[in-house]
């Protein structure tokens, strides 16, 4: 969608590659490495830097994000199908630019 992003992140952790996660302390928040929050934060930082260097746009992201744990194959297929077909609904989005 032109005004938001959907994605699926797959995290796999096995006993052979598990390390205890130590929070990284920042002035305003704590980030756990190799977590959904750290992945989303890195993605937002990269996109923000690119946007500010290549467009006049300054404000890029809403403050938070929505996450959902996919627990089975049926749920995965339903969500993946939604992501693939969601751009077809752009004209119905409340932020779709009005055409004159």
N, C-alpha and C. Protein backbone atom coordinates (compact mmCIF):
# COMPACT_ATOMS: atom_id res chain seq x y z
N UNK A 1 0.85 -1.18 0.00
CA UNK A 1 0.00 0.00 0.00
C UNK A 1 0.89 1.24 0.00
N UNK A 2 0.45 2.30 -0.65
CA UNK A 2 1.25 3.52 -0.66
C UNK A 2 1.40 4.19 0.71
N UNK A 3 0.49 3.90 1.64
CA UNK A 3 0.55 4.61 2.92
C UNK A 3 0.83 3.71 4.12
N UNK A 4 1.06 2.42 3.91
CA UNK A 4 1.45 1.54 5.01
C UNK A 4 2.07 0.25 4.49
N UNK A 5 2.67 -0.51 5.40
CA UNK A 5 3.43 -1.70 5.03
C UNK A 5 2.89 -2.90 5.80
N UNK A 6 2.77 -4.02 5.11
CA UNK A 6 2.48 -5.30 5.75
C UNK A 6 3.66 -6.22 5.50
N UNK A 7 3.94 -7.11 6.42
CA UNK A 7 5.01 -8.07 6.20
C UNK A 7 4.89 -9.22 7.16
N UNK A 8 5.59 -10.28 6.83
CA UNK A 8 5.67 -11.45 7.71
C UNK A 8 7.14 -11.65 8.03
N UNK A 9 7.43 -11.72 9.31
CA UNK A 9 8.79 -11.97 9.79
C UNK A 9 8.79 -13.36 10.42
N UNK A 10 9.71 -14.19 9.97
CA UNK A 10 9.82 -15.53 10.56
C UNK A 10 11.08 -15.58 11.40
N UNK A 11 10.88 -15.86 12.68
CA UNK A 11 12.00 -16.00 13.61
C UNK A 11 12.11 -17.48 13.98
N UNK A 12 13.28 -18.02 13.85
CA UNK A 12 13.49 -19.41 14.25
C UNK A 12 14.63 -19.44 15.26
N UNK A 13 14.36 -20.09 16.36
CA UNK A 13 15.37 -20.21 17.41
C UNK A 13 15.39 -21.66 17.85
N UNK A 14 16.54 -22.25 17.79
CA UNK A 14 16.71 -23.62 18.27
C UNK A 14 17.69 -23.64 19.42
N UNK A 15 17.75 -24.74 20.11
CA UNK A 15 18.65 -24.84 21.26
C UNK A 15 20.10 -24.61 20.86
N UNK A 16 20.46 -24.99 19.64
CA UNK A 16 21.86 -24.87 19.22
C UNK A 16 22.28 -23.43 18.96
N UNK A 17 21.32 -22.51 18.71
CA UNK A 17 21.72 -21.13 18.44
C UNK A 17 21.07 -20.14 19.40
N UNK A 18 20.64 -20.62 20.54
CA UNK A 18 20.00 -19.73 21.50
C UNK A 18 21.05 -19.07 22.39
N UNK A 19 20.96 -17.75 22.46
CA UNK A 19 21.80 -16.98 23.37
C UNK A 19 20.88 -16.19 24.28
N UNK A 20 21.18 -16.10 25.56
CA UNK A 20 20.37 -15.25 26.43
C UNK A 20 20.40 -13.82 25.90
N UNK A 21 19.24 -13.21 25.78
CA UNK A 21 19.16 -11.86 25.24
C UNK A 21 19.38 -10.83 26.33
N UNK A 22 20.30 -9.93 26.08
CA UNK A 22 20.59 -8.86 27.03
C UNK A 22 20.02 -7.56 26.48
N UNK A 23 19.13 -6.91 27.23
CA UNK A 23 18.58 -5.64 26.75
C UNK A 23 19.67 -4.60 26.52
N UNK A 24 19.50 -3.80 25.47
CA UNK A 24 20.39 -2.68 25.19
C UNK A 24 19.70 -1.44 25.75
N UNK A 25 20.37 -0.75 26.63
CA UNK A 25 19.77 0.41 27.28
C UNK A 25 19.97 1.66 26.42
N UNK A 26 18.89 2.33 26.12
CA UNK A 26 18.90 3.62 25.45
C UNK A 26 18.26 4.62 26.38
N UNK A 27 18.40 5.87 26.08
CA UNK A 27 17.86 6.91 26.94
C UNK A 27 16.35 6.76 27.14
N UNK A 28 15.62 6.38 26.08
CA UNK A 28 14.17 6.36 26.16
C UNK A 28 13.56 4.97 26.16
N UNK A 29 14.32 3.95 25.85
CA UNK A 29 13.71 2.63 25.74
C UNK A 29 14.76 1.53 25.87
N UNK A 30 14.28 0.32 26.05
CA UNK A 30 15.13 -0.85 26.09
C UNK A 30 14.80 -1.69 24.87
N UNK A 31 15.81 -2.10 24.11
CA UNK A 31 15.61 -2.91 22.92
C UNK A 31 16.33 -4.24 23.13
N UNK A 32 15.62 -5.33 22.91
CA UNK A 32 16.23 -6.65 23.00
C UNK A 32 16.74 -7.03 21.61
N UNK A 33 18.02 -7.34 21.47
CA UNK A 33 18.55 -7.71 20.16
C UNK A 33 17.86 -8.97 19.62
N UNK A 34 17.80 -9.09 18.32
CA UNK A 34 17.21 -10.23 17.63
C UNK A 34 15.77 -10.45 18.09
N UNK A 35 15.01 -9.38 18.14
CA UNK A 35 13.60 -9.44 18.50
C UNK A 35 12.79 -8.77 17.39
N UNK A 36 11.49 -8.98 17.42
CA UNK A 36 10.63 -8.31 16.44
C UNK A 36 10.80 -6.80 16.57
N UNK A 37 10.85 -6.30 17.79
CA UNK A 37 11.00 -4.86 17.99
C UNK A 37 12.29 -4.34 17.37
N UNK A 38 13.40 -5.07 17.53
CA UNK A 38 14.67 -4.61 16.96
C UNK A 38 14.65 -4.67 15.44
N UNK A 39 13.98 -5.67 14.87
CA UNK A 39 13.87 -5.79 13.42
C UNK A 39 13.04 -4.64 12.86
N UNK A 40 11.88 -4.37 13.48
CA UNK A 40 11.02 -3.28 13.02
C UNK A 40 11.74 -1.95 13.17
N UNK A 41 12.43 -1.75 14.29
CA UNK A 41 13.17 -0.51 14.51
C UNK A 41 14.21 -0.30 13.42
N UNK A 42 14.99 -1.34 13.10
CA UNK A 42 16.00 -1.23 12.05
C UNK A 42 15.40 -0.92 10.70
N UNK A 43 14.28 -1.57 10.38
CA UNK A 43 13.59 -1.31 9.12
C UNK A 43 13.13 0.15 9.04
N UNK A 44 12.51 0.63 10.13
CA UNK A 44 12.03 2.01 10.15
C UNK A 44 13.18 3.01 10.03
N UNK A 45 14.29 2.73 10.69
CA UNK A 45 15.46 3.62 10.60
C UNK A 45 15.96 3.69 9.16
N UNK A 46 16.11 2.53 8.52
CA UNK A 46 16.61 2.49 7.15
C UNK A 46 15.71 3.22 6.18
N UNK A 47 14.41 2.99 6.28
CA UNK A 47 13.46 3.65 5.38
C UNK A 47 13.43 5.16 5.65
N UNK A 48 13.46 5.54 6.91
CA UNK A 48 13.45 6.97 7.26
C UNK A 48 14.67 7.68 6.67
N UNK A 49 15.84 7.09 6.82
CA UNK A 49 17.06 7.70 6.25
C UNK A 49 16.94 7.85 4.74
N UNK A 50 16.45 6.81 4.07
CA UNK A 50 16.31 6.87 2.61
C UNK A 50 15.31 7.96 2.22
N UNK A 51 14.17 7.98 2.90
CA UNK A 51 13.13 8.97 2.57
C UNK A 51 13.63 10.40 2.76
N UNK A 52 14.34 10.65 3.84
CA UNK A 52 14.83 12.00 4.11
C UNK A 52 15.92 12.43 3.13
N UNK A 53 16.66 11.47 2.59
CA UNK A 53 17.70 11.79 1.61
C UNK A 53 17.14 11.94 0.20
N UNK A 54 16.00 11.31 -0.08
CA UNK A 54 15.50 11.25 -1.46
C UNK A 54 14.14 11.89 -1.69
N UNK A 55 13.49 12.36 -0.64
CA UNK A 55 12.18 13.00 -0.79
C UNK A 55 12.08 14.17 0.18
N UNK A 56 11.11 15.05 -0.01
CA UNK A 56 10.91 16.15 0.95
C UNK A 56 10.16 15.69 2.21
N UNK A 57 9.74 14.44 2.24
CA UNK A 57 8.95 13.90 3.35
C UNK A 57 9.80 13.77 4.60
N UNK A 58 9.33 14.30 5.72
CA UNK A 58 10.04 14.18 6.99
C UNK A 58 9.37 13.18 7.93
N UNK A 59 8.08 13.31 8.12
CA UNK A 59 7.34 12.40 9.01
C UNK A 59 6.98 11.15 8.22
N UNK A 60 7.48 10.00 8.63
CA UNK A 60 7.30 8.77 7.87
C UNK A 60 6.39 7.79 8.59
N UNK A 61 6.60 7.58 9.86
CA UNK A 61 5.97 6.47 10.57
C UNK A 61 5.02 6.92 11.66
N UNK A 62 4.03 6.07 11.91
CA UNK A 62 3.24 6.23 13.13
C UNK A 62 4.11 5.76 14.30
N UNK A 63 3.71 6.03 15.51
CA UNK A 63 4.55 5.79 16.68
C UNK A 63 4.82 4.30 16.94
N UNK A 64 3.89 3.41 16.70
CA UNK A 64 4.06 2.02 17.07
C UNK A 64 3.82 1.13 15.87
N UNK A 65 3.58 -0.13 16.08
CA UNK A 65 3.25 -1.07 15.02
C UNK A 65 2.35 -2.16 15.60
N UNK A 66 1.71 -2.89 14.72
CA UNK A 66 0.83 -3.98 15.13
C UNK A 66 1.54 -5.28 14.83
N UNK A 67 1.53 -6.20 15.78
CA UNK A 67 2.12 -7.52 15.53
C UNK A 67 1.12 -8.60 15.91
N UNK A 68 1.25 -9.72 15.25
CA UNK A 68 0.37 -10.86 15.48
C UNK A 68 1.19 -12.13 15.28
N UNK A 69 1.07 -13.07 16.19
CA UNK A 69 1.80 -14.33 16.06
C UNK A 69 0.97 -15.27 15.19
N UNK A 70 1.57 -15.76 14.12
CA UNK A 70 0.92 -16.72 13.23
C UNK A 70 1.18 -18.11 13.80
N UNK A 71 0.11 -18.80 14.14
CA UNK A 71 0.26 -20.06 14.88
C UNK A 71 0.08 -21.33 14.05
N UNK A 72 -0.43 -21.20 12.83
CA UNK A 72 -0.63 -22.41 12.03
C UNK A 72 -0.62 -22.06 10.55
N UNK A 73 -0.61 -23.10 9.71
CA UNK A 73 -0.54 -22.91 8.26
C UNK A 73 -1.75 -22.18 7.70
N UNK A 74 -2.97 -22.48 8.21
CA UNK A 74 -4.17 -21.81 7.72
C UNK A 74 -4.10 -20.31 7.98
N UNK A 75 -3.66 -19.94 9.16
CA UNK A 75 -3.53 -18.52 9.50
C UNK A 75 -2.47 -17.87 8.61
N UNK A 76 -1.35 -18.55 8.39
CA UNK A 76 -0.31 -18.02 7.51
C UNK A 76 -0.85 -17.77 6.10
N UNK A 77 -1.55 -18.74 5.55
CA UNK A 77 -2.09 -18.59 4.19
C UNK A 77 -3.09 -17.43 4.11
N UNK A 78 -3.94 -17.30 5.12
CA UNK A 78 -4.93 -16.22 5.13
C UNK A 78 -4.24 -14.85 5.19
N UNK A 79 -3.25 -14.73 6.05
CA UNK A 79 -2.54 -13.45 6.21
C UNK A 79 -1.72 -13.14 4.97
N UNK A 80 -1.02 -14.12 4.43
CA UNK A 80 -0.22 -13.91 3.21
C UNK A 80 -1.12 -13.49 2.06
N UNK A 81 -2.28 -14.11 1.94
CA UNK A 81 -3.24 -13.75 0.89
C UNK A 81 -3.72 -12.31 1.07
N UNK A 82 -4.00 -11.92 2.30
CA UNK A 82 -4.40 -10.54 2.59
C UNK A 82 -3.31 -9.56 2.15
N UNK A 83 -2.06 -9.86 2.48
CA UNK A 83 -0.95 -8.97 2.13
C UNK A 83 -0.82 -8.84 0.61
N UNK A 84 -0.90 -9.95 -0.10
CA UNK A 84 -0.75 -9.93 -1.55
C UNK A 84 -1.87 -9.13 -2.22
N UNK A 85 -3.09 -9.28 -1.73
CA UNK A 85 -4.25 -8.64 -2.38
C UNK A 85 -4.62 -7.28 -1.81
N UNK A 86 -4.02 -6.88 -0.69
CA UNK A 86 -4.37 -5.62 -0.05
C UNK A 86 -4.21 -4.38 -0.93
N UNK A 87 -3.16 -4.27 -1.78
CA UNK A 87 -3.03 -3.07 -2.62
C UNK A 87 -4.22 -2.83 -3.55
N UNK A 88 -4.97 -3.86 -3.86
CA UNK A 88 -6.16 -3.68 -4.71
C UNK A 88 -7.23 -2.85 -4.00
N UNK A 89 -7.13 -2.70 -2.68
CA UNK A 89 -8.11 -1.95 -1.90
C UNK A 89 -7.71 -0.50 -1.66
N UNK A 90 -6.62 -0.03 -2.28
CA UNK A 90 -6.12 1.32 -2.04
C UNK A 90 -7.17 2.38 -2.30
N UNK A 91 -7.99 2.21 -3.33
CA UNK A 91 -9.00 3.23 -3.65
C UNK A 91 -10.06 3.36 -2.55
N UNK A 92 -10.23 2.34 -1.73
CA UNK A 92 -11.20 2.41 -0.63
C UNK A 92 -10.58 2.93 0.67
N UNK A 93 -9.27 3.14 0.69
CA UNK A 93 -8.59 3.61 1.89
C UNK A 93 -9.01 5.04 2.21
N UNK A 94 -9.15 5.34 3.48
CA UNK A 94 -9.57 6.71 3.88
C UNK A 94 -8.56 7.77 3.47
N UNK A 95 -7.32 7.38 3.24
CA UNK A 95 -6.29 8.35 2.85
C UNK A 95 -6.02 8.37 1.34
N UNK A 96 -6.83 7.66 0.56
CA UNK A 96 -6.68 7.68 -0.88
C UNK A 96 -6.90 9.10 -1.39
N UNK A 97 -5.97 9.64 -2.20
CA UNK A 97 -6.14 11.02 -2.66
C UNK A 97 -7.39 11.16 -3.53
N UNK A 98 -8.17 12.17 -3.24
CA UNK A 98 -9.38 12.43 -4.03
C UNK A 98 -8.99 12.84 -5.44
N UNK A 99 -9.71 12.32 -6.41
CA UNK A 99 -9.42 12.66 -7.80
C UNK A 99 -10.48 13.65 -8.29
N UNK A 100 -10.03 14.66 -8.97
CA UNK A 100 -10.97 15.67 -9.50
C UNK A 100 -11.33 15.37 -10.93
